[in-house]
Amino acid sequence: MSGKTGAYAWKADFTSEYQNKMIRSSETGIDPFLGFVLKGKVNRHFSLGVQATRYFISLNDVTYYSAVIEYNFTQ
């Protein structure tokens, strides 16, 4: 098992139309994230696992799950 943590910078541009007028908005921010990876070796070249990462976005938190397939080229 391993963990990760950090921060990321983001920018979002919004455009919408209301009563024939274009409305534009832009937001930026820096938000933290953390996660973990759990993986095990299948053989000397392949590892399989799962990963979960939580992004603490000020507008809406996001949790991301994924599968990990890793190949090691070394002998």
N, C-alpha and C. Protein backbone atom coordinates (compact mmCIF):
# COMPACT_ATOMS: atom_id res chain seq x y z
N MET A 1 0.85 -1.17 0.00
CA MET A 1 0.00 0.00 0.00
C MET A 1 0.90 1.23 0.00
N SER A 2 0.51 2.21 -0.77
CA SER A 2 1.23 3.48 -0.78
C SER A 2 0.21 4.61 -0.80
N GLY A 3 0.66 5.78 -0.42
CA GLY A 3 -0.23 6.93 -0.37
C GLY A 3 0.31 8.08 -1.19
N LYS A 4 -0.56 9.02 -1.46
CA LYS A 4 -0.15 10.23 -2.16
C LYS A 4 -0.98 11.39 -1.66
N THR A 5 -0.37 12.55 -1.67
CA THR A 5 -1.06 13.77 -1.28
C THR A 5 -0.44 14.94 -2.03
N GLY A 6 -1.19 15.99 -2.18
CA GLY A 6 -0.66 17.14 -2.89
C GLY A 6 -1.72 18.19 -3.09
N ALA A 7 -1.43 19.11 -3.98
CA ALA A 7 -2.36 20.18 -4.33
C ALA A 7 -2.29 20.38 -5.84
N TYR A 8 -3.36 20.86 -6.41
CA TYR A 8 -3.37 21.12 -7.84
C TYR A 8 -4.05 22.46 -8.11
N ALA A 9 -3.58 23.11 -9.14
CA ALA A 9 -4.14 24.39 -9.56
C ALA A 9 -5.12 24.13 -10.70
N TRP A 10 -6.23 24.85 -10.71
CA TRP A 10 -7.24 24.65 -11.74
C TRP A 10 -7.82 25.98 -12.18
N LYS A 11 -8.40 25.97 -13.37
CA LYS A 11 -9.07 27.15 -13.91
C LYS A 11 -10.30 26.67 -14.67
N ALA A 12 -11.42 27.34 -14.47
CA ALA A 12 -12.67 27.01 -15.17
C ALA A 12 -13.23 28.27 -15.81
N ASP A 13 -13.57 28.17 -17.08
CA ASP A 13 -14.21 29.26 -17.80
C ASP A 13 -15.63 28.86 -18.12
N PHE A 14 -16.57 29.75 -17.83
CA PHE A 14 -18.00 29.48 -18.05
C PHE A 14 -18.55 30.49 -19.06
N THR A 15 -19.39 30.00 -19.96
CA THR A 15 -20.09 30.87 -20.90
C THR A 15 -21.53 30.39 -20.98
N SER A 16 -22.47 31.32 -20.86
CA SER A 16 -23.88 30.98 -21.01
C SER A 16 -24.60 32.15 -21.66
N GLU A 17 -25.77 31.85 -22.16
CA GLU A 17 -26.56 32.88 -22.81
C GLU A 17 -27.88 33.01 -22.08
N TYR A 18 -28.25 34.27 -21.79
CA TYR A 18 -29.52 34.55 -21.11
C TYR A 18 -30.13 35.79 -21.74
N GLN A 19 -31.33 35.65 -22.25
CA GLN A 19 -32.06 36.74 -22.91
C GLN A 19 -31.19 37.42 -23.98
N ASN A 20 -30.60 36.58 -24.83
CA ASN A 20 -29.75 37.04 -25.94
C ASN A 20 -28.50 37.79 -25.51
N LYS A 21 -28.06 37.60 -24.27
CA LYS A 21 -26.82 38.20 -23.77
C LYS A 21 -25.88 37.08 -23.34
N MET A 22 -24.63 37.21 -23.74
CA MET A 22 -23.62 36.24 -23.34
C MET A 22 -23.07 36.61 -21.96
N ILE A 23 -23.04 35.65 -21.08
CA ILE A 23 -22.52 35.84 -19.73
C ILE A 23 -21.28 34.98 -19.60
N ARG A 24 -20.17 35.60 -19.25
CA ARG A 24 -18.90 34.88 -19.11
C ARG A 24 -18.39 35.02 -17.68
N SER A 25 -17.80 33.95 -17.21
CA SER A 25 -17.26 33.94 -15.86
C SER A 25 -16.03 33.05 -15.85
N SER A 26 -15.11 33.31 -14.97
CA SER A 26 -13.90 32.51 -14.85
C SER A 26 -13.55 32.37 -13.37
N GLU A 27 -13.12 31.18 -12.99
CA GLU A 27 -12.69 30.93 -11.61
C GLU A 27 -11.39 30.17 -11.62
N THR A 28 -10.57 30.40 -10.62
CA THR A 28 -9.33 29.65 -10.45
C THR A 28 -9.22 29.24 -8.99
N GLY A 29 -8.38 28.27 -8.73
CA GLY A 29 -8.18 27.85 -7.35
C GLY A 29 -7.05 26.86 -7.20
N ILE A 30 -6.68 26.61 -5.98
CA ILE A 30 -5.71 25.58 -5.63
C ILE A 30 -6.35 24.75 -4.53
N ASP A 31 -6.51 23.46 -4.78
CA ASP A 31 -7.19 22.58 -3.83
C ASP A 31 -6.34 21.35 -3.55
N PRO A 32 -6.47 20.77 -2.34
CA PRO A 32 -5.69 19.59 -1.99
C PRO A 32 -6.33 18.30 -2.48
N PHE A 33 -5.52 17.24 -2.54
CA PHE A 33 -6.02 15.90 -2.81
C PHE A 33 -5.21 14.90 -2.01
N LEU A 34 -5.79 13.72 -1.78
CA LEU A 34 -5.06 12.62 -1.16
C LEU A 34 -5.62 11.31 -1.68
N GLY A 35 -4.80 10.28 -1.59
CA GLY A 35 -5.25 8.99 -2.10
C GLY A 35 -4.36 7.87 -1.64
N PHE A 36 -4.74 6.66 -2.05
CA PHE A 36 -3.94 5.49 -1.73
C PHE A 36 -4.00 4.50 -2.89
N VAL A 37 -2.97 3.68 -2.97
CA VAL A 37 -2.88 2.62 -3.98
C VAL A 37 -2.59 1.33 -3.25
N LEU A 38 -3.35 0.30 -3.55
CA LEU A 38 -3.14 -1.03 -3.00
C LEU A 38 -2.90 -1.95 -4.18
N LYS A 39 -1.69 -2.55 -4.26
CA LYS A 39 -1.39 -3.43 -5.39
C LYS A 39 -0.51 -4.58 -4.94
N GLY A 40 -0.56 -5.65 -5.72
CA GLY A 40 0.23 -6.84 -5.43
C GLY A 40 0.81 -7.41 -6.71
N LYS A 41 1.93 -8.10 -6.56
CA LYS A 41 2.59 -8.69 -7.72
C LYS A 41 1.89 -9.97 -8.15
N VAL A 42 1.66 -10.09 -9.45
CA VAL A 42 1.14 -11.32 -10.03
C VAL A 42 2.31 -12.23 -10.36
N ASN A 43 3.35 -11.67 -10.95
CA ASN A 43 4.63 -12.35 -11.20
C ASN A 43 5.71 -11.28 -11.21
N ARG A 44 6.90 -11.61 -11.70
CA ARG A 44 8.00 -10.63 -11.61
C ARG A 44 7.81 -9.42 -12.52
N HIS A 45 6.91 -9.50 -13.49
CA HIS A 45 6.69 -8.38 -14.40
C HIS A 45 5.37 -7.64 -14.17
N PHE A 46 4.33 -8.32 -13.72
CA PHE A 46 3.01 -7.71 -13.62
C PHE A 46 2.58 -7.50 -12.17
N SER A 47 1.92 -6.36 -11.94
CA SER A 47 1.25 -6.07 -10.67
C SER A 47 -0.16 -5.58 -10.99
N LEU A 48 -1.10 -5.93 -10.11
CA LEU A 48 -2.49 -5.49 -10.24
C LEU A 48 -2.90 -4.82 -8.94
N GLY A 49 -3.82 -3.88 -9.04
CA GLY A 49 -4.27 -3.22 -7.83
C GLY A 49 -5.44 -2.28 -8.06
N VAL A 50 -5.75 -1.54 -7.00
CA VAL A 50 -6.82 -0.54 -7.04
C VAL A 50 -6.28 0.77 -6.47
N GLN A 51 -6.90 1.86 -6.88
CA GLN A 51 -6.48 3.18 -6.44
C GLN A 51 -7.71 4.02 -6.14
N ALA A 52 -7.63 4.82 -5.10
CA ALA A 52 -8.70 5.76 -4.77
C ALA A 52 -8.06 7.11 -4.46
N THR A 53 -8.63 8.17 -5.03
CA THR A 53 -8.13 9.52 -4.81
C THR A 53 -9.30 10.44 -4.50
N ARG A 54 -9.14 11.28 -3.49
CA ARG A 54 -10.18 12.24 -3.11
C ARG A 54 -9.66 13.65 -3.41
N TYR A 55 -10.40 14.38 -4.24
CA TYR A 55 -10.07 15.76 -4.59
C TYR A 55 -11.00 16.68 -3.80
N PHE A 56 -10.44 17.54 -2.99
CA PHE A 56 -11.22 18.45 -2.15
C PHE A 56 -11.43 19.77 -2.88
N ILE A 57 -12.33 19.75 -3.85
CA ILE A 57 -12.62 20.92 -4.67
C ILE A 57 -13.62 21.79 -3.92
N SER A 58 -13.37 23.08 -3.90
CA SER A 58 -14.21 23.98 -3.10
C SER A 58 -15.68 23.96 -3.53
N LEU A 59 -15.97 23.74 -4.80
CA LEU A 59 -17.35 23.71 -5.26
C LEU A 59 -18.01 22.34 -5.09
N ASN A 60 -17.24 21.27 -5.23
CA ASN A 60 -17.81 19.92 -5.21
C ASN A 60 -16.69 18.90 -5.06
N ASP A 61 -16.62 18.19 -3.94
CA ASP A 61 -15.59 17.17 -3.75
C ASP A 61 -15.80 16.03 -4.73
N VAL A 62 -14.69 15.41 -5.16
CA VAL A 62 -14.74 14.31 -6.12
C VAL A 62 -13.91 13.16 -5.58
N THR A 63 -14.45 11.94 -5.65
CA THR A 63 -13.70 10.74 -5.31
C THR A 63 -13.55 9.92 -6.59
N TYR A 64 -12.33 9.52 -6.89
CA TYR A 64 -11.99 8.84 -8.13
C TYR A 64 -11.44 7.45 -7.80
N TYR A 65 -12.02 6.41 -8.38
CA TYR A 65 -11.56 5.03 -8.19
C TYR A 65 -11.04 4.51 -9.52
N SER A 66 -9.96 3.71 -9.48
CA SER A 66 -9.44 3.14 -10.72
C SER A 66 -8.73 1.82 -10.45
N ALA A 67 -8.58 1.04 -11.51
CA ALA A 67 -7.81 -0.20 -11.46
C ALA A 67 -6.39 0.10 -11.92
N VAL A 68 -5.43 -0.62 -11.38
CA VAL A 68 -4.02 -0.42 -11.73
C VAL A 68 -3.49 -1.71 -12.34
N ILE A 69 -2.93 -1.60 -13.53
CA ILE A 69 -2.21 -2.69 -14.17
C ILE A 69 -0.82 -2.16 -14.47
N GLU A 70 0.18 -2.78 -13.89
CA GLU A 70 1.55 -2.27 -14.00
C GLU A 70 2.46 -3.34 -14.59
N TYR A 71 3.30 -2.94 -15.53
CA TYR A 71 4.29 -3.84 -16.11
C TYR A 71 5.67 -3.31 -15.80
N ASN A 72 6.54 -4.18 -15.29
CA ASN A 72 7.91 -3.83 -14.94
C ASN A 72 8.84 -4.41 -16.00
N PHE A 73 9.62 -3.54 -16.68
CA PHE A 73 10.51 -3.97 -17.76
C PHE A 73 11.82 -4.57 -17.26
N THR A 74 12.18 -4.38 -16.00
CA THR A 74 13.44 -4.90 -15.49
C THR A 74 13.34 -6.40 -15.26
N GLN A 75 14.49 -7.04 -15.23
CA GLN A 75 14.50 -8.49 -15.03
C GLN A 75 14.69 -8.80 -13.62
